[in-house]
Amino acid sequence: MLRLSNFADYGVVIMTAAARAGGQLVAASHVAGQTGIPAPTVAKLMNHLARAGLLVSHRGVAGGFALARPASAITLAEIVEAIDGPIALTHCCGRHPEGCDLLDLCSVRPHWEPVNRAVRHALAGVTLATLALRPEVPTPEEASA
């Protein structure tokens, strides 16, 4: 099963909350209340996303975080990579390929790179603006039809 790390998933949720703020500054405590993600985790990830250039931090009493660019210019791939590093489906193609015992013998490793590029391309095709759209909730009448 392919799956994002919990931190990358939380990063996407946090960035979505910031996008929905419509340019207003959002405090980590506010995002934590909105999302249910623990406040220390939100604060840590917001700082991490700011260091990655996706959020801008404003200090002070009325401070908080805002998107560094328009939501339409931030992709899902950028958010995931800001938290988890380069997109790699196998350990040998990730940050520390030397950790693989089969690295020198593996004939499959060269074939993973096109797969990794395809996954990254798919994630890069989804913008934060799209993720921030509120899903339409059917009325009870529509749901029973």
C-alpha atoms as a PDB file:
ATOM      1  CA  MET A   1       0.000   0.000   0.000  1.00  0.00           C
ATOM      2  CA  LEU A   2       1.277   3.447  -0.875  1.00  0.00           C
ATOM      3  CA  ARG A   3       0.602   6.097   1.681  1.00  0.00           C
ATOM      4  CA  LEU A   4       1.825   9.499   2.814  1.00  0.00           C
ATOM      5  CA  SER A   5       3.493   9.798   6.184  1.00  0.00           C
ATOM      6  CA  ASN A   6       1.264  11.173   8.937  1.00  0.00           C
ATOM      7  CA  PHE A   7       3.321  14.376   8.960  1.00  0.00           C
ATOM      8  CA  ALA A   8       2.926  14.875   5.199  1.00  0.00           C
ATOM      9  CA  ASP A   9      -0.812  14.247   5.526  1.00  0.00           C
ATOM     10  CA  TYR A  10      -0.993  16.773   8.381  1.00  0.00           C
ATOM     11  CA  GLY A  11       1.055  19.229   6.306  1.00  0.00           C
ATOM     12  CA  VAL A  12      -1.514  19.034   3.517  1.00  0.00           C
ATOM     13  CA  VAL A  13      -4.361  19.601   6.000  1.00  0.00           C
ATOM     14  CA  ILE A  14      -2.519  22.572   7.539  1.00  0.00           C
ATOM     15  CA  MET A  15      -1.780  24.122   4.146  1.00  0.00           C
ATOM     16  CA  THR A  16      -5.418  23.657   3.163  1.00  0.00           C
ATOM     17  CA  ALA A  17      -6.524  25.488   6.318  1.00  0.00           C
ATOM     18  CA  ALA A  18      -4.113  28.325   5.494  1.00  0.00           C
ATOM     19  CA  ALA A  19      -5.453  28.490   1.926  1.00  0.00           C
ATOM     20  CA  ARG A  20      -9.034  28.663   3.162  1.00  0.00           C
ATOM     21  CA  ALA A  21      -8.109  31.640   5.345  1.00  0.00           C
ATOM     22  CA  GLY A  22      -8.158  33.751   2.190  1.00  0.00           C
ATOM     23  CA  GLY A  23      -4.913  35.620   2.800  1.00  0.00           C
ATOM     24  CA  GLN A  24      -5.591  36.241   6.482  1.00  0.00           C
ATOM     25  CA  LEU A  25      -2.935  35.278   9.005  1.00  0.00           C
ATOM     26  CA  VAL A  26      -3.679  32.054  10.861  1.00  0.00           C
ATOM     27  CA  ALA A  27      -2.221  31.073  14.214  1.00  0.00           C
ATOM     28  CA  ALA A  28      -1.086  27.524  14.856  1.00  0.00           C
ATOM     29  CA  SER A  29      -3.552  27.288  17.762  1.00  0.00           C
ATOM     30  CA  HIS A  30      -6.425  28.276  15.450  1.00  0.00           C
ATOM     31  CA  VAL A  31      -5.398  25.691  12.824  1.00  0.00           C
ATOM     32  CA  ALA A  32      -5.125  23.062  15.563  1.00  0.00           C
ATOM     33  CA  GLY A  33      -8.667  23.868  16.703  1.00  0.00           C
ATOM     34  CA  GLN A  34      -9.987  23.705  13.138  1.00  0.00           C
ATOM     35  CA  THR A  35      -8.257  20.496  12.171  1.00  0.00           C
ATOM     36  CA  GLY A  36      -7.996  18.473  15.363  1.00  0.00           C
ATOM     37  CA  ILE A  37      -4.238  18.069  14.867  1.00  0.00           C
ATOM     38  CA  PRO A  38      -2.399  18.575  18.187  1.00  0.00           C
ATOM     39  CA  ALA A  39      -1.185  22.178  18.588  1.00  0.00           C
ATOM     40  CA  PRO A  40       2.500  21.270  19.085  1.00  0.00           C
ATOM     41  CA  THR A  41       2.445  19.251  15.860  1.00  0.00           C
ATOM     42  CA  VAL A  42       0.746  22.095  13.960  1.00  0.00           C
ATOM     43  CA  ALA A  43       3.306  24.609  15.243  1.00  0.00           C
ATOM     44  CA  LYS A  44       6.216  22.345  14.321  1.00  0.00           C
ATOM     45  CA  LEU A  45       4.863  21.649  10.825  1.00  0.00           C
ATOM     46  CA  MET A  46       3.961  25.287  10.150  1.00  0.00           C
ATOM     47  CA  ASN A  47       7.524  26.301  11.030  1.00  0.00           C
ATOM     48  CA  HIS A  48       8.821  23.516   8.777  1.00  0.00           C
ATOM     49  CA  LEU A  49       6.557  24.645   5.904  1.00  0.00           C
ATOM     50  CA  ALA A  50       7.730  28.228   6.422  1.00  0.00           C
ATOM     51  CA  ARG A  51      11.388  27.135   6.204  1.00  0.00           C
ATOM     52  CA  ALA A  52      10.480  25.334   2.961  1.00  0.00           C
ATOM     53  CA  GLY A  53       9.095  28.596   1.540  1.00  0.00           C
ATOM     54  CA  LEU A  54       5.439  27.531   1.433  1.00  0.00           C
ATOM     55  CA  LEU A  55       4.263  29.640   4.376  1.00  0.00           C
ATOM     56  CA  VAL A  56       5.377  33.052   5.614  1.00  0.00           C
ATOM     57  CA  SER A  57       5.625  33.666   9.333  1.00  0.00           C
ATOM     58  CA  HIS A  58       4.587  36.993  10.867  1.00  0.00           C
ATOM     59  CA  ARG A  59       5.659  37.503  14.470  1.00  0.00           C
ATOM     60  CA  GLY A  60       3.960  39.555  17.148  1.00  0.00           C
ATOM     61  CA  VAL A  61       0.679  39.696  19.019  1.00  0.00           C
ATOM     62  CA  ALA A  62      -1.384  39.657  15.831  1.00  0.00           C
ATOM     63  CA  GLY A  63       1.048  37.333  14.060  1.00  0.00           C
ATOM     64  CA  GLY A  64       0.553  34.019  12.414  1.00  0.00           C
ATOM     65  CA  PHE A  65       1.197  32.315   9.108  1.00  0.00           C
ATOM     66  CA  ALA A  66       0.039  32.970   5.567  1.00  0.00           C
ATOM     67  CA  LEU A  67       0.664  31.284   2.236  1.00  0.00           C
ATOM     68  CA  ALA A  68       3.928  32.385   0.634  1.00  0.00           C
ATOM     69  CA  ARG A  69       2.346  32.179  -2.837  1.00  0.00           C
ATOM     70  CA  PRO A  70      -1.191  31.929  -4.174  1.00  0.00           C
ATOM     71  CA  ALA A  71      -2.806  28.552  -3.499  1.00  0.00           C
ATOM     72  CA  SER A  72      -3.002  27.997  -7.246  1.00  0.00           C
ATOM     73  CA  ALA A  73       0.818  28.162  -7.401  1.00  0.00           C
ATOM     74  CA  ILE A  74       1.470  25.570  -4.668  1.00  0.00           C
ATOM     75  CA  THR A  75       1.226  21.886  -5.533  1.00  0.00           C
ATOM     76  CA  LEU A  76       0.571  18.772  -3.538  1.00  0.00           C
ATOM     77  CA  ALA A  77       4.017  17.523  -4.605  1.00  0.00           C
ATOM     78  CA  GLU A  78       5.678  20.592  -3.074  1.00  0.00           C
ATOM     79  CA  ILE A  79       3.892  20.106   0.229  1.00  0.00           C
ATOM     80  CA  VAL A  80       4.740  16.397   0.445  1.00  0.00           C
ATOM     81  CA  GLU A  81       8.371  17.029  -0.503  1.00  0.00           C
ATOM     82  CA  ALA A  82       8.649  19.851   2.034  1.00  0.00           C
ATOM     83  CA  ILE A  83       7.730  17.392   4.780  1.00  0.00           C
ATOM     84  CA  ASP A  84       9.018  14.009   3.570  1.00  0.00           C
ATOM     85  CA  GLY A  85      11.729  14.942   1.079  1.00  0.00           C
ATOM     86  CA  PRO A  86      11.912  13.770  -2.535  1.00  0.00           C
ATOM     87  CA  ILE A  87       9.111  11.487  -3.677  1.00  0.00           C
ATOM     88  CA  ALA A  88      10.486   7.956  -3.845  1.00  0.00           C
ATOM     89  CA  LEU A  89       8.390   4.825  -3.626  1.00  0.00           C
ATOM     90  CA  THR A  90      11.273   2.581  -2.627  1.00  0.00           C
ATOM     91  CA  HIS A  91      13.962   2.940  -0.021  1.00  0.00           C
ATOM     92  CA  CYS A  92      16.730   2.685  -2.611  1.00  0.00           C
ATOM     93  CA  CYS A  93      15.487   5.781  -4.442  1.00  0.00           C
ATOM     94  CA  GLY A  94      14.973   7.871  -1.323  1.00  0.00           C
ATOM     95  CA  ARG A  95      17.215  10.084   0.768  1.00  0.00           C
ATOM     96  CA  HIS A  96      19.490   7.280   1.961  1.00  0.00           C
ATOM     97  CA  PRO A  97      19.885   4.611  -0.716  1.00  0.00           C
ATOM     98  CA  GLU A  98      23.018   3.305   0.973  1.00  0.00           C
ATOM     99  CA  GLY A  99      20.714   1.705   3.567  1.00  0.00           C
ATOM    100  CA  CYS A 100      19.666  -0.945   1.057  1.00  0.00           C
ATOM    101  CA  ASP A 101      21.550  -4.245   1.287  1.00  0.00           C
ATOM    102  CA  LEU A 102      20.737  -5.105  -2.330  1.00  0.00           C
ATOM    103  CA  LEU A 103      21.809  -1.807  -3.873  1.00  0.00           C
ATOM    104  CA  ASP A 104      24.777  -3.209  -5.825  1.00  0.00           C
ATOM    105  CA  LEU A 105      22.911  -6.289  -7.047  1.00  0.00           C
ATOM    106  CA  CYS A 106      19.498  -4.892  -7.870  1.00  0.00           C
ATOM    107  CA  SER A 107      18.472  -4.863 -11.522  1.00  0.00           C
ATOM    108  CA  VAL A 108      15.099  -3.245 -10.770  1.00  0.00           C
ATOM    109  CA  ARG A 109      16.336  -0.028  -9.146  1.00  0.00           C
ATOM    110  CA  PRO A 110      16.883   1.839 -12.454  1.00  0.00           C
ATOM    111  CA  HIS A 111      13.247   1.235 -13.354  1.00  0.00           C
ATOM    112  CA  TRP A 112      11.865   2.920 -10.239  1.00  0.00           C
ATOM    113  CA  GLU A 113      12.914   6.423 -11.300  1.00  0.00           C
ATOM    114  CA  PRO A 114      10.313   6.728 -14.112  1.00  0.00           C
ATOM    115  CA  VAL A 115       7.681   5.506 -11.661  1.00  0.00           C
ATOM    116  CA  ASN A 116       8.785   8.089  -9.087  1.00  0.00           C
ATOM    117  CA  ARG A 117       8.637  10.826 -11.752  1.00  0.00           C
ATOM    118  CA  ALA A 118       5.122   9.741 -12.748  1.00  0.00           C
ATOM    119  CA  VAL A 119       3.906   9.843  -9.135  1.00  0.00           C
ATOM    120  CA  ARG A 120       5.529  13.241  -8.604  1.00  0.00           C
ATOM    121  CA  HIS A 121       3.970  14.494 -11.856  1.00  0.00           C
ATOM    122  CA  ALA A 122       0.531  13.327 -10.684  1.00  0.00           C
ATOM    123  CA  LEU A 123       0.942  15.064  -7.309  1.00  0.00           C
ATOM    124  CA  ALA A 124       2.269  18.202  -9.024  1.00  0.00           C
ATOM    125  CA  GLY A 125      -0.936  18.307 -11.056  1.00  0.00           C
ATOM    126  CA  VAL A 126      -3.019  18.935  -7.939  1.00  0.00           C
ATOM    127  CA  THR A 127      -2.888  22.486  -6.608  1.00  0.00           C
ATOM    128  CA  LEU A 128      -3.553  23.670  -3.099  1.00  0.00           C
ATOM    129  CA  ALA A 129      -6.398  25.749  -4.533  1.00  0.00           C
ATOM    130  CA  THR A 130      -8.095  22.532  -5.648  1.00  0.00           C
ATOM    131  CA  LEU A 131      -7.519  20.902  -2.258  1.00  0.00           C
ATOM    132  CA  ALA A 132      -8.958  23.954  -0.481  1.00  0.00           C
ATOM    133  CA  LEU A 133     -12.279  23.736  -2.319  1.00  0.00           C
ATOM    134  CA  ARG A 134     -14.980  22.709   0.078  1.00  0.00           C
ATOM    135  CA  PRO A 135     -16.663  19.521  -1.095  1.00  0.00           C
ATOM    136  CA  GLU A 136     -20.311  19.815  -1.934  1.00  0.00           C
ATOM    137  CA  VAL A 137     -22.388  18.053   0.695  1.00  0.00           C
ATOM    138  CA  PRO A 138     -25.638  16.651  -0.682  1.00  0.00           C
ATOM    139  CA  THR A 139     -28.857  17.659   1.017  1.00  0.00           C
ATOM    140  CA  PRO A 140     -30.762  14.836   2.760  1.00  0.00           C
ATOM    141  CA  GLU A 141     -33.165  14.789  -0.194  1.00  0.00           C
ATOM    142  CA  GLU A 142     -30.317  14.419  -2.706  1.00  0.00           C
ATOM    143  CA  ALA A 143     -28.668  11.714  -0.614  1.00  0.00           C
ATOM    144  CA  SER A 144     -31.833   9.596  -0.497  1.00  0.00           C
ATOM    145  CA  ALA A 145     -32.583   9.945  -4.212  1.00  0.00           C
END
